[in-house]
Protein backbone atom coordinates (compact mmCIF):
# COMPACT_ATOMS: atom_id res chain seq x y z
CA MET A 1 50.54 152.41 -129.86
CA ALA A 2 46.92 152.44 -128.68
CA LEU A 3 46.66 148.71 -129.33
CA GLN A 4 49.77 148.10 -127.23
CA PHE A 5 48.26 150.06 -124.34
CA GLY A 6 45.01 148.12 -124.68
CA GLN A 7 46.91 144.82 -124.59
CA LYS A 8 48.85 146.01 -121.56
CA CYS A 9 45.58 146.89 -119.82
CA ILE A 10 44.25 143.40 -120.58
CA ARG A 11 47.36 141.78 -119.15
CA ILE A 12 47.41 143.88 -115.99
CA SER A 13 43.67 143.65 -115.32
CA GLU A 14 43.77 139.87 -115.68
CA GLU A 15 46.96 139.50 -113.60
CA LYS A 16 45.46 141.64 -110.83
CA ASN A 17 42.16 139.76 -111.07
CA LEU A 18 40.18 142.97 -111.49
CA SER A 19 36.40 142.93 -111.78
CA PRO A 20 34.83 141.75 -115.05
CA TYR A 21 33.90 145.36 -115.82
CA TYR A 22 37.52 146.53 -115.87
CA VAL A 23 38.72 143.52 -117.81
CA GLY A 24 35.90 144.09 -120.29
CA CYS A 25 36.92 147.74 -120.63
CA ALA A 26 40.48 146.67 -121.36
CA TYR A 27 39.28 144.38 -124.12
CA GLU A 28 37.04 147.15 -125.45
CA ALA A 29 40.02 149.51 -125.64
CA ALA A 30 42.04 146.92 -127.54
CA ALA A 31 39.10 146.20 -129.86
CA ARG A 32 38.64 149.90 -130.61
CA ALA A 33 42.36 150.35 -131.32
CA ALA A 34 42.38 147.31 -133.60
CA ALA A 35 39.32 148.59 -135.46
CA VAL A 36 40.86 152.02 -135.95
CA GLY A 37 43.94 150.25 -137.29
CA LYS A 38 41.67 148.33 -139.69
CA ASP A 39 42.55 144.97 -138.11
CA TYR A 40 38.92 143.86 -138.02
CA GLY A 41 39.65 140.21 -137.29
CA ARG A 42 41.57 141.09 -134.16
CA ALA A 43 38.95 143.68 -133.22
CA THR A 44 36.28 140.98 -133.43
CA GLU A 45 38.31 138.66 -131.20
CA TYR A 46 38.68 141.39 -128.59
CA LEU A 47 34.97 142.22 -128.83
CA GLU A 48 34.08 138.58 -128.18
CA ALA A 49 36.33 138.50 -125.12
CA ALA A 50 34.88 141.79 -123.87
CA GLN A 51 31.36 140.40 -124.28
CA LYS A 52 32.22 137.40 -122.08
CA HIS A 53 33.31 139.76 -119.33
CA LEU A 54 30.30 142.01 -119.86
CA ASP A 55 28.06 138.99 -119.22
CA GLU A 56 29.63 138.76 -115.74
CA VAL A 57 29.14 142.43 -114.79
CA THR A 58 26.48 142.64 -112.08
CA ASP A 59 26.20 146.42 -111.75
CA LYS A 60 23.51 147.43 -114.25
CA ASP A 61 24.89 150.93 -114.84
CA LEU A 62 28.41 149.69 -115.50
CA ALA A 63 27.09 146.93 -117.74
CA ARG A 64 25.03 149.46 -119.70
CA TYR A 65 28.04 151.74 -120.19
CA LEU A 66 30.29 148.91 -121.37
CA ARG A 67 27.55 147.59 -123.67
CA ILE A 68 27.23 151.02 -125.30
CA GLU A 69 30.98 151.20 -125.89
CA LEU A 70 31.10 147.67 -127.32
CA ASP A 71 28.20 148.48 -129.63
CA ALA A 72 30.09 151.53 -130.90
CA VAL A 73 33.10 149.39 -131.77
CA ARG A 74 30.86 146.77 -133.39
CA ILE A 75 29.46 149.48 -135.63
CA MET A 76 33.00 150.36 -136.71
CA VAL A 77 33.77 146.71 -137.51
CA ASP A 78 30.42 145.87 -139.12
CA LYS A 79 30.56 148.99 -141.30
CA GLU A 80 33.81 147.73 -142.82
CA ASP A 81 32.49 144.18 -143.30
CA ALA A 82 29.31 145.34 -145.05
CA PRO A 83 29.20 144.99 -148.83
CA GLU A 84 29.50 148.25 -150.69
CA THR A 85 26.31 149.74 -152.00
CA ARG A 86 26.23 152.21 -154.84
């Protein structure tokens, strides 16, 4: 259900032409939901889209916040892609 809400946020934020920050946050939410659901390919796609919007955020504080959240999701995805060590 979280992924559906994230996708809905993406759709609405793009339809309403919201600022890159809000669109990026929508993609971050979808990426996080996909990662929690272990759909790492989809999570990566959403992360890439979020990064494109992050690159357009001009407010340094908002950009920093979104970057921190994206990094947290990347850690979730990268952790699962890493080879197992024993």
